[in-house]
Amino acid sequence: MVSEIGLPDVTGEPLSGDDSAVQASAERASGRTTNVSPLADGSRMVWEQDGAVLKTGQVSWLRFRIEDPQHKLVNDLEPYMGMVGHAEFVRSDFSVFAHIHPAGSVPMASLMIAQKDSGLPMDHRSMHTLTDEVSFPYGFPQPGDYRLFVQVKRHGEVETGVFDAHVGS
C-alpha cells in the first residue's frame, strides 16, 4: 500500500526516554553505500555486502553483523519486541518508508502460501534465532539514495546502526 501525507513543520524538544534513540549525521553519503556504523556502546554494526549493486525490483537479503569494540563477533543479542532485530528504510526524499522484520513484513499466512507455491526456502528461524547477525529481505521500490536504520538489542539496550545506500534502477 502506498500513500502520501503532508505534515507541518513542528518544532520541539528532542525526545527523551526512547530506548531506540540514535545519533546520526544529517548528511547522507549521496550516491554511495556505507557499510560500517559505530554503535553507542563502542561496538559496531557491519553491513555484509556481497558486492552486488542494489537495484529496484529485486529482493535482496540485507545482512548485518554486530562486532564488539575489538571487532570480534558478539554472541549476546537479545530479543527486541519479539524478534532478533528491526529495520527502517527511508528514501532521501521521504517518498519511501519501510519497517522491515527479519522474516519480511508480510502476514505470516501469506508468507507460508508464497513459500509453498514458489518452492523457495524461507528461513523463518531468522525472525527469532539470536546469533551475531540479523538479516532482512527487502526489494527497493524506487531508485535513489536511502538511509537504513537497523536495530538490535544487547545488554538491555537497543543499538541502532545507520547506513546509507544507493539503489539503481
N, C-alpha and C. Protein backbone atom coordinates (compact mmCIF):
# COMPACT_ATOMS: atom_id res chain seq x y z
N MET A 1 0.84 -1.16 0.00
CA MET A 1 0.00 0.00 0.00
C MET A 1 0.90 1.23 0.00
N VAL A 2 0.54 2.21 -0.76
CA VAL A 2 1.31 3.45 -0.85
C VAL A 2 0.36 4.61 -0.64
N SER A 3 0.83 5.61 0.08
CA SER A 3 0.01 6.79 0.33
C SER A 3 0.91 7.99 0.54
N GLU A 4 0.34 9.16 0.51
CA GLU A 4 1.07 10.39 0.78
C GLU A 4 0.34 11.14 1.87
N ILE A 5 1.14 11.86 2.67
CA ILE A 5 0.57 12.68 3.72
C ILE A 5 1.43 13.92 3.86
N GLY A 6 0.81 15.06 4.03
CA GLY A 6 1.53 16.31 4.24
C GLY A 6 1.48 16.67 5.71
N LEU A 7 2.64 16.91 6.30
CA LEU A 7 2.71 17.27 7.71
C LEU A 7 3.36 18.64 7.87
N PRO A 8 2.88 19.43 8.80
CA PRO A 8 3.50 20.75 9.01
C PRO A 8 4.85 20.59 9.72
N ASP A 9 5.71 21.59 9.56
CA ASP A 9 6.95 21.61 10.33
C ASP A 9 6.60 21.82 11.79
N VAL A 10 7.12 20.97 12.64
CA VAL A 10 6.84 21.05 14.07
C VAL A 10 8.16 21.21 14.80
N THR A 11 8.25 22.19 15.65
CA THR A 11 9.47 22.36 16.43
C THR A 11 9.19 21.86 17.84
N GLY A 12 10.23 21.46 18.51
CA GLY A 12 10.05 20.96 19.87
C GLY A 12 11.36 20.48 20.43
N GLU A 13 11.30 19.92 21.58
CA GLU A 13 12.47 19.40 22.26
C GLU A 13 12.76 17.97 21.79
N PRO A 14 14.02 17.56 21.83
CA PRO A 14 14.32 16.17 21.48
C PRO A 14 13.59 15.20 22.40
N LEU A 15 13.26 14.05 21.85
CA LEU A 15 12.59 13.02 22.64
C LEU A 15 13.50 12.55 23.76
N SER A 16 12.89 12.16 24.84
CA SER A 16 13.67 11.56 25.93
C SER A 16 12.94 10.30 26.38
N GLY A 17 13.72 9.35 26.87
CA GLY A 17 13.12 8.12 27.36
C GLY A 17 12.86 7.09 26.29
N ASP A 18 13.20 7.40 25.04
CA ASP A 18 13.01 6.45 23.95
C ASP A 18 14.19 5.49 23.95
N ASP A 19 13.92 4.19 23.98
CA ASP A 19 15.02 3.22 24.04
C ASP A 19 15.65 2.94 22.68
N SER A 20 15.21 3.63 21.63
CA SER A 20 15.78 3.37 20.31
C SER A 20 16.39 4.63 19.70
N ALA A 21 16.76 5.59 20.51
CA ALA A 21 17.36 6.82 20.01
C ALA A 21 18.71 6.52 19.39
N VAL A 22 19.10 7.37 18.42
CA VAL A 22 20.40 7.22 17.76
C VAL A 22 20.92 8.60 17.39
N GLN A 23 22.22 8.74 17.44
CA GLN A 23 22.87 9.94 16.95
C GLN A 23 23.37 9.64 15.54
N ALA A 24 22.92 10.40 14.57
CA ALA A 24 23.35 10.18 13.19
C ALA A 24 23.48 11.51 12.49
N SER A 25 24.42 11.59 11.60
CA SER A 25 24.64 12.79 10.81
C SER A 25 23.44 13.01 9.89
N ALA A 26 23.07 14.27 9.72
CA ALA A 26 22.00 14.59 8.78
C ALA A 26 22.50 14.43 7.35
N GLU A 27 23.82 14.51 7.15
CA GLU A 27 24.38 14.37 5.82
C GLU A 27 24.38 12.90 5.42
N ARG A 28 24.01 12.66 4.21
CA ARG A 28 23.99 11.30 3.68
C ARG A 28 25.12 11.16 2.67
N ALA A 29 25.60 9.96 2.53
CA ALA A 29 26.64 9.67 1.54
C ALA A 29 25.97 9.52 0.18
N SER A 30 25.64 10.64 -0.45
CA SER A 30 24.89 10.64 -1.70
C SER A 30 25.60 9.82 -2.77
N GLY A 31 24.85 8.88 -3.33
CA GLY A 31 25.37 8.06 -4.40
C GLY A 31 26.31 6.95 -3.95
N ARG A 32 26.56 6.86 -2.65
CA ARG A 32 27.46 5.83 -2.13
C ARG A 32 26.74 4.99 -1.10
N THR A 33 27.34 3.84 -0.82
CA THR A 33 26.81 2.96 0.20
C THR A 33 27.83 2.85 1.32
N THR A 34 27.38 3.04 2.56
CA THR A 34 28.26 2.86 3.72
C THR A 34 28.01 1.48 4.30
N ASN A 35 29.07 0.86 4.85
CA ASN A 35 28.86 -0.49 5.35
C ASN A 35 29.31 -0.69 6.80
N VAL A 36 29.76 0.35 7.50
CA VAL A 36 30.11 0.22 8.92
C VAL A 36 29.46 1.36 9.68
N SER A 37 28.81 1.02 10.79
CA SER A 37 28.17 2.02 11.64
C SER A 37 28.62 1.82 13.08
N PRO A 38 29.25 2.84 13.68
CA PRO A 38 29.61 2.71 15.10
C PRO A 38 28.34 2.73 15.95
N LEU A 39 28.36 1.97 17.04
CA LEU A 39 27.21 1.91 17.94
C LEU A 39 27.56 2.65 19.24
N ALA A 40 26.55 3.04 19.97
CA ALA A 40 26.73 3.87 21.16
C ALA A 40 27.60 3.23 22.23
N ASP A 41 27.62 1.91 22.31
CA ASP A 41 28.38 1.24 23.37
C ASP A 41 29.83 0.95 22.98
N GLY A 42 30.29 1.49 21.84
CA GLY A 42 31.65 1.26 21.40
C GLY A 42 31.80 0.10 20.43
N SER A 43 30.76 -0.69 20.25
CA SER A 43 30.80 -1.77 19.28
C SER A 43 30.45 -1.19 17.91
N ARG A 44 30.28 -2.06 16.93
CA ARG A 44 29.91 -1.56 15.61
C ARG A 44 29.05 -2.59 14.88
N MET A 45 28.30 -2.09 13.91
CA MET A 45 27.47 -2.93 13.07
C MET A 45 28.05 -2.85 11.66
N VAL A 46 28.20 -4.01 11.02
CA VAL A 46 28.79 -4.08 9.69
C VAL A 46 27.77 -4.68 8.72
N TRP A 47 27.53 -3.97 7.64
CA TRP A 47 26.64 -4.45 6.58
C TRP A 47 27.46 -5.38 5.70
N GLU A 48 27.09 -6.66 5.67
CA GLU A 48 27.79 -7.67 4.89
C GLU A 48 27.25 -7.64 3.47
N GLN A 49 27.98 -6.95 2.61
CA GLN A 49 27.56 -6.83 1.22
C GLN A 49 28.38 -7.77 0.36
N ASP A 50 27.72 -8.37 -0.60
CA ASP A 50 28.41 -9.33 -1.45
C ASP A 50 28.94 -8.70 -2.74
N GLY A 51 28.93 -7.39 -2.81
CA GLY A 51 29.42 -6.70 -3.99
C GLY A 51 28.36 -6.46 -5.05
N ALA A 52 27.19 -7.06 -4.88
CA ALA A 52 26.12 -6.85 -5.84
C ALA A 52 25.55 -5.44 -5.69
N VAL A 53 25.23 -4.83 -6.82
CA VAL A 53 24.64 -3.50 -6.82
C VAL A 53 23.17 -3.62 -6.46
N LEU A 54 22.71 -2.75 -5.57
CA LEU A 54 21.29 -2.76 -5.21
C LEU A 54 20.49 -2.17 -6.36
N LYS A 55 19.42 -2.87 -6.74
CA LYS A 55 18.56 -2.42 -7.83
C LYS A 55 17.10 -2.54 -7.42
N THR A 56 16.28 -1.71 -8.04
CA THR A 56 14.85 -1.79 -7.77
C THR A 56 14.29 -3.08 -8.36
N GLY A 57 13.21 -3.54 -7.76
CA GLY A 57 12.52 -4.71 -8.28
C GLY A 57 13.21 -6.04 -8.01
N GLN A 58 14.26 -6.04 -7.20
CA GLN A 58 14.95 -7.28 -6.87
C GLN A 58 14.95 -7.45 -5.35
N VAL A 59 14.52 -8.60 -4.90
CA VAL A 59 14.55 -8.87 -3.46
C VAL A 59 15.97 -9.26 -3.07
N SER A 60 16.47 -8.61 -2.06
CA SER A 60 17.81 -8.90 -1.56
C SER A 60 17.72 -9.22 -0.08
N TRP A 61 18.63 -10.08 0.39
CA TRP A 61 18.77 -10.31 1.83
C TRP A 61 19.86 -9.36 2.29
N LEU A 62 19.51 -8.41 3.13
CA LEU A 62 20.45 -7.44 3.67
C LEU A 62 20.90 -7.95 5.03
N ARG A 63 22.20 -8.27 5.15
CA ARG A 63 22.73 -8.91 6.35
C ARG A 63 23.65 -7.95 7.09
N PHE A 64 23.49 -7.92 8.41
CA PHE A 64 24.28 -7.05 9.27
C PHE A 64 24.83 -7.86 10.43
N ARG A 65 26.13 -7.76 10.66
CA ARG A 65 26.73 -8.46 11.80
C ARG A 65 27.13 -7.42 12.84
N ILE A 66 27.16 -7.85 14.10
CA ILE A 66 27.48 -6.96 15.20
C ILE A 66 28.81 -7.42 15.79
N GLU A 67 29.72 -6.46 15.96
CA GLU A 67 31.05 -6.74 16.48
C GLU A 67 31.30 -5.90 17.73
N ASP A 68 32.10 -6.45 18.65
CA ASP A 68 32.47 -5.71 19.86
C ASP A 68 33.53 -4.66 19.50
N PRO A 69 33.99 -3.86 20.48
CA PRO A 69 34.99 -2.82 20.17
C PRO A 69 36.30 -3.35 19.58
N GLN A 70 36.61 -4.63 19.80
CA GLN A 70 37.82 -5.23 19.22
C GLN A 70 37.54 -5.89 17.87
N HIS A 71 36.35 -5.66 17.32
CA HIS A 71 35.90 -6.17 16.02
C HIS A 71 35.71 -7.68 16.02
N LYS A 72 35.41 -8.24 17.19
CA LYS A 72 35.08 -9.67 17.29
C LYS A 72 33.56 -9.80 17.33
N LEU A 73 33.06 -10.89 16.74
CA LEU A 73 31.62 -11.09 16.70
C LEU A 73 31.06 -11.23 18.10
N VAL A 74 29.89 -10.65 18.33
CA VAL A 74 29.23 -10.75 19.63
C VAL A 74 28.34 -11.99 19.63
N ASN A 75 27.96 -12.43 20.81
CA ASN A 75 27.02 -13.55 20.93
C ASN A 75 25.99 -13.25 22.01
N ASP A 76 25.66 -11.97 22.15
CA ASP A 76 24.77 -11.57 23.24
C ASP A 76 23.55 -10.78 22.78
N LEU A 77 23.09 -11.02 21.55
CA LEU A 77 21.88 -10.34 21.11
C LEU A 77 20.68 -10.85 21.91
N GLU A 78 19.76 -9.96 22.17
CA GLU A 78 18.54 -10.29 22.93
C GLU A 78 17.33 -10.01 22.05
N PRO A 79 16.22 -10.66 22.33
CA PRO A 79 15.01 -10.35 21.57
C PRO A 79 14.61 -8.88 21.77
N TYR A 80 14.22 -8.25 20.69
CA TYR A 80 13.75 -6.86 20.71
C TYR A 80 12.35 -6.85 20.11
N MET A 81 11.36 -6.60 20.92
CA MET A 81 9.96 -6.66 20.52
C MET A 81 9.65 -7.99 19.84
N GLY A 82 10.19 -9.08 20.44
CA GLY A 82 9.89 -10.43 19.98
C GLY A 82 10.71 -10.92 18.80
N MET A 83 11.67 -10.12 18.32
CA MET A 83 12.47 -10.54 17.17
C MET A 83 13.94 -10.21 17.40
N VAL A 84 14.78 -10.75 16.53
CA VAL A 84 16.21 -10.52 16.66
C VAL A 84 16.58 -9.09 16.23
N GLY A 85 15.73 -8.43 15.48
CA GLY A 85 16.02 -7.06 15.07
C GLY A 85 14.88 -6.46 14.29
N HIS A 86 15.03 -5.18 14.02
CA HIS A 86 14.07 -4.42 13.22
C HIS A 86 14.86 -3.48 12.33
N ALA A 87 14.28 -3.09 11.20
CA ALA A 87 14.95 -2.15 10.31
C ALA A 87 13.93 -1.20 9.71
N GLU A 88 14.40 0.01 9.45
CA GLU A 88 13.60 1.01 8.76
C GLU A 88 14.43 1.52 7.59
N PHE A 89 13.82 1.55 6.40
CA PHE A 89 14.50 2.02 5.20
C PHE A 89 13.75 3.26 4.71
N VAL A 90 14.47 4.36 4.55
CA VAL A 90 13.86 5.64 4.19
C VAL A 90 14.58 6.23 2.98
N ARG A 91 13.82 6.53 1.93
CA ARG A 91 14.41 7.18 0.74
C ARG A 91 14.70 8.64 1.09
N SER A 92 15.73 9.22 0.46
CA SER A 92 16.20 10.56 0.82
C SER A 92 15.14 11.64 0.67
N ASP A 93 14.18 11.46 -0.24
CA ASP A 93 13.10 12.45 -0.37
C ASP A 93 11.87 12.09 0.46
N PHE A 94 12.00 11.08 1.31
CA PHE A 94 10.95 10.59 2.22
C PHE A 94 9.75 9.99 1.49
N SER A 95 9.90 9.69 0.20
CA SER A 95 8.77 9.09 -0.54
C SER A 95 8.63 7.60 -0.25
N VAL A 96 9.64 7.00 0.38
CA VAL A 96 9.58 5.58 0.75
C VAL A 96 9.96 5.46 2.22
N PHE A 97 9.12 4.78 2.99
CA PHE A 97 9.44 4.40 4.36
C PHE A 97 8.97 2.96 4.53
N ALA A 98 9.88 2.10 4.97
CA ALA A 98 9.52 0.69 5.17
C ALA A 98 10.06 0.23 6.51
N HIS A 99 9.20 -0.36 7.32
CA HIS A 99 9.61 -1.00 8.58
C HIS A 99 9.66 -2.49 8.28
N ILE A 100 10.85 -3.09 8.43
CA ILE A 100 11.08 -4.46 7.99
C ILE A 100 11.43 -5.36 9.17
N HIS A 101 10.95 -6.59 9.12
CA HIS A 101 11.28 -7.61 10.11
C HIS A 101 12.18 -8.66 9.48
N PRO A 102 12.89 -9.43 10.27
CA PRO A 102 13.81 -10.43 9.71
C PRO A 102 13.17 -11.45 8.76
N ALA A 103 11.92 -11.76 8.93
CA ALA A 103 11.26 -12.69 8.01
C ALA A 103 10.41 -11.94 6.99
N GLY A 104 10.66 -10.65 6.85
CA GLY A 104 9.86 -9.83 5.95
C GLY A 104 8.73 -9.18 6.72
N SER A 105 7.91 -8.45 6.00
CA SER A 105 6.84 -7.71 6.66
C SER A 105 5.49 -8.01 6.06
N VAL A 106 5.31 -9.26 5.69
CA VAL A 106 4.01 -9.69 5.18
C VAL A 106 3.35 -10.55 6.25
N PRO A 107 2.04 -10.70 6.20
CA PRO A 107 1.39 -11.60 7.16
C PRO A 107 1.97 -13.02 7.04
N MET A 108 2.16 -13.67 8.17
CA MET A 108 2.77 -15.00 8.17
C MET A 108 2.01 -15.99 7.30
N ALA A 109 0.68 -15.91 7.27
CA ALA A 109 -0.10 -16.82 6.43
C ALA A 109 0.25 -16.62 4.96
N SER A 110 0.40 -15.36 4.53
CA SER A 110 0.78 -15.08 3.14
C SER A 110 2.18 -15.59 2.85
N LEU A 111 3.08 -15.42 3.82
CA LEU A 111 4.45 -15.90 3.66
C LEU A 111 4.48 -17.41 3.47
N MET A 112 3.67 -18.12 4.24
CA MET A 112 3.63 -19.58 4.14
C MET A 112 3.07 -20.02 2.79
N ILE A 113 2.05 -19.32 2.30
CA ILE A 113 1.48 -19.65 0.99
C ILE A 113 2.51 -19.39 -0.11
N ALA A 114 3.20 -18.26 -0.03
CA ALA A 114 4.22 -17.93 -1.04
C ALA A 114 5.33 -18.97 -1.03
N GLN A 115 5.73 -19.41 0.15
CA GLN A 115 6.78 -20.41 0.26
C GLN A 115 6.33 -21.70 -0.40
N LYS A 116 5.12 -22.12 -0.13
CA LYS A 116 4.60 -23.37 -0.68
C LYS A 116 4.45 -23.27 -2.20
N ASP A 117 3.88 -22.16 -2.68
CA ASP A 117 3.63 -22.01 -4.10
C ASP A 117 4.90 -21.83 -4.93
N SER A 118 5.90 -21.14 -4.37
CA SER A 118 7.10 -20.83 -5.15
C SER A 118 8.17 -21.90 -5.04
N GLY A 119 8.10 -22.70 -4.00
CA GLY A 119 9.15 -23.68 -3.76
C GLY A 119 10.42 -23.07 -3.21
N LEU A 120 10.41 -21.76 -2.94
CA LEU A 120 11.59 -21.10 -2.40
C LEU A 120 11.70 -21.36 -0.91
N PRO A 121 12.90 -21.67 -0.44
CA PRO A 121 13.07 -21.85 1.01
C PRO A 121 13.01 -20.50 1.71
N MET A 122 12.30 -20.44 2.78
CA MET A 122 12.24 -19.23 3.59
C MET A 122 12.61 -19.61 5.01
N ASP A 123 13.60 -18.95 5.54
CA ASP A 123 14.14 -19.29 6.84
C ASP A 123 13.41 -18.50 7.93
N HIS A 124 12.33 -19.07 8.45
CA HIS A 124 11.56 -18.40 9.50
C HIS A 124 12.34 -18.32 10.80
N ARG A 125 13.37 -19.16 10.95
CA ARG A 125 14.16 -19.11 12.18
C ARG A 125 14.86 -17.78 12.36
N SER A 126 15.17 -17.08 11.24
CA SER A 126 15.90 -15.82 11.34
C SER A 126 15.11 -14.77 12.10
N MET A 127 13.81 -14.96 12.24
CA MET A 127 13.00 -13.99 12.96
C MET A 127 13.28 -14.07 14.46
N HIS A 128 13.60 -15.25 14.96
CA HIS A 128 13.73 -15.44 16.40
C HIS A 128 15.09 -15.94 16.85
N THR A 129 15.89 -16.51 15.94
CA THR A 129 17.17 -17.08 16.34
C THR A 129 18.17 -15.98 16.62
N LEU A 130 18.76 -16.00 17.80
CA LEU A 130 19.72 -14.98 18.18
C LEU A 130 21.12 -15.45 17.86
N THR A 131 21.78 -14.75 16.95
CA THR A 131 23.15 -15.05 16.58
C THR A 131 23.93 -13.75 16.66
N ASP A 132 25.00 -13.63 15.91
CA ASP A 132 25.78 -12.41 15.87
C ASP A 132 25.37 -11.51 14.71
N GLU A 133 24.31 -11.89 14.00
CA GLU A 133 23.88 -11.09 12.87
C GLU A 133 22.36 -11.07 12.77
N VAL A 134 21.90 -10.12 11.98
CA VAL A 134 20.47 -10.01 11.69
C VAL A 134 20.36 -9.73 10.19
N SER A 135 19.34 -10.31 9.55
CA SER A 135 19.17 -10.09 8.12
C SER A 135 17.71 -9.82 7.81
N PHE A 136 17.52 -9.09 6.70
CA PHE A 136 16.19 -8.64 6.32
C PHE A 136 16.01 -8.81 4.81
N PRO A 137 14.87 -9.37 4.37
CA PRO A 137 14.59 -9.40 2.94
C PRO A 137 13.92 -8.08 2.55
N TYR A 138 14.35 -7.51 1.43
CA TYR A 138 13.71 -6.26 1.00
C TYR A 138 13.94 -6.05 -0.48
N GLY A 139 12.94 -5.51 -1.13
CA GLY A 139 13.03 -5.09 -2.52
C GLY A 139 12.77 -3.60 -2.59
N PHE A 140 13.77 -2.84 -2.96
CA PHE A 140 13.62 -1.38 -3.02
C PHE A 140 12.66 -1.02 -4.14
N PRO A 141 11.63 -0.21 -3.86
CA PRO A 141 10.62 0.09 -4.87
C PRO A 141 11.02 1.17 -5.86
N GLN A 142 11.97 2.03 -5.49
CA GLN A 142 12.37 3.15 -6.35
C GLN A 142 13.89 3.30 -6.30
N PRO A 143 14.50 3.76 -7.40
CA PRO A 143 15.93 4.05 -7.34
C PRO A 143 16.17 5.31 -6.51
N GLY A 144 17.40 5.48 -6.06
CA GLY A 144 17.75 6.69 -5.31
C GLY A 144 18.60 6.37 -4.10
N ASP A 145 18.77 7.39 -3.27
CA ASP A 145 19.56 7.25 -2.05
C ASP A 145 18.64 6.95 -0.88
N TYR A 146 19.06 6.00 -0.04
CA TYR A 146 18.27 5.56 1.11
C TYR A 146 19.13 5.64 2.37
N ARG A 147 18.46 5.82 3.49
CA ARG A 147 19.10 5.67 4.80
C ARG A 147 18.45 4.46 5.45
N LEU A 148 19.30 3.56 5.98
CA LEU A 148 18.83 2.34 6.63
C LEU A 148 19.14 2.44 8.12
N PHE A 149 18.15 2.16 8.94
CA PHE A 149 18.30 2.12 10.39
C PHE A 149 18.08 0.67 10.82
N VAL A 150 19.07 0.05 11.40
CA VAL A 150 18.99 -1.36 11.80
C VAL A 150 19.13 -1.44 13.31
N GLN A 151 18.15 -2.04 13.96
CA GLN A 151 18.11 -2.07 15.42
C GLN A 151 18.23 -3.49 15.97
N VAL A 152 19.10 -3.63 16.96
CA VAL A 152 19.24 -4.87 17.72
C VAL A 152 19.30 -4.50 19.19
N LYS A 153 19.14 -5.50 20.05
CA LYS A 153 19.19 -5.26 21.49
C LYS A 153 20.30 -6.09 22.11
N ARG A 154 21.12 -5.41 22.95
CA ARG A 154 22.20 -6.07 23.68
C ARG A 154 22.27 -5.46 25.08
N HIS A 155 22.47 -6.28 26.07
CA HIS A 155 22.62 -5.82 27.46
C HIS A 155 21.45 -4.92 27.89
N GLY A 156 20.25 -5.24 27.40
CA GLY A 156 19.07 -4.48 27.77
C GLY A 156 18.93 -3.15 27.06
N GLU A 157 19.82 -2.83 26.13
CA GLU A 157 19.79 -1.56 25.41
C GLU A 157 19.60 -1.80 23.91
N VAL A 158 18.81 -0.94 23.28
CA VAL A 158 18.64 -1.01 21.84
C VAL A 158 19.79 -0.24 21.19
N GLU A 159 20.45 -0.88 20.25
CA GLU A 159 21.54 -0.27 19.48
C GLU A 159 21.05 -0.10 18.05
N THR A 160 21.32 1.07 17.46
CA THR A 160 20.86 1.36 16.11
C THR A 160 22.03 1.66 15.20
N GLY A 161 22.18 0.86 14.17
CA GLY A 161 23.18 1.13 13.13
C GLY A 161 22.53 1.95 12.04
N VAL A 162 23.30 2.90 11.49
CA VAL A 162 22.78 3.79 10.45
C VAL A 162 23.66 3.63 9.21
N PHE A 163 23.02 3.37 8.08
CA PHE A 163 23.74 3.11 6.83
C PHE A 163 23.11 3.92 5.71
N ASP A 164 23.93 4.30 4.74
CA ASP A 164 23.44 4.95 3.54
C ASP A 164 23.61 3.98 2.38
N ALA A 165 22.65 3.98 1.48
CA ALA A 165 22.70 3.07 0.34
C ALA A 165 22.20 3.79 -0.91
N HIS A 166 22.83 3.47 -2.02
CA HIS A 166 22.36 3.96 -3.30
C HIS A 166 21.75 2.79 -4.06
N VAL A 167 20.56 2.99 -4.58
CA VAL A 167 19.84 1.95 -5.30
C VAL A 167 19.66 2.39 -6.74
N GLY A 168 20.10 1.55 -7.66
CA GLY A 168 19.96 1.84 -9.09
C GLY A 168 18.67 1.27 -9.64
N SER A 169 18.39 1.63 -10.88
CA SER A 169 17.14 1.12 -11.50
C SER A 169 17.40 -0.14 -12.29
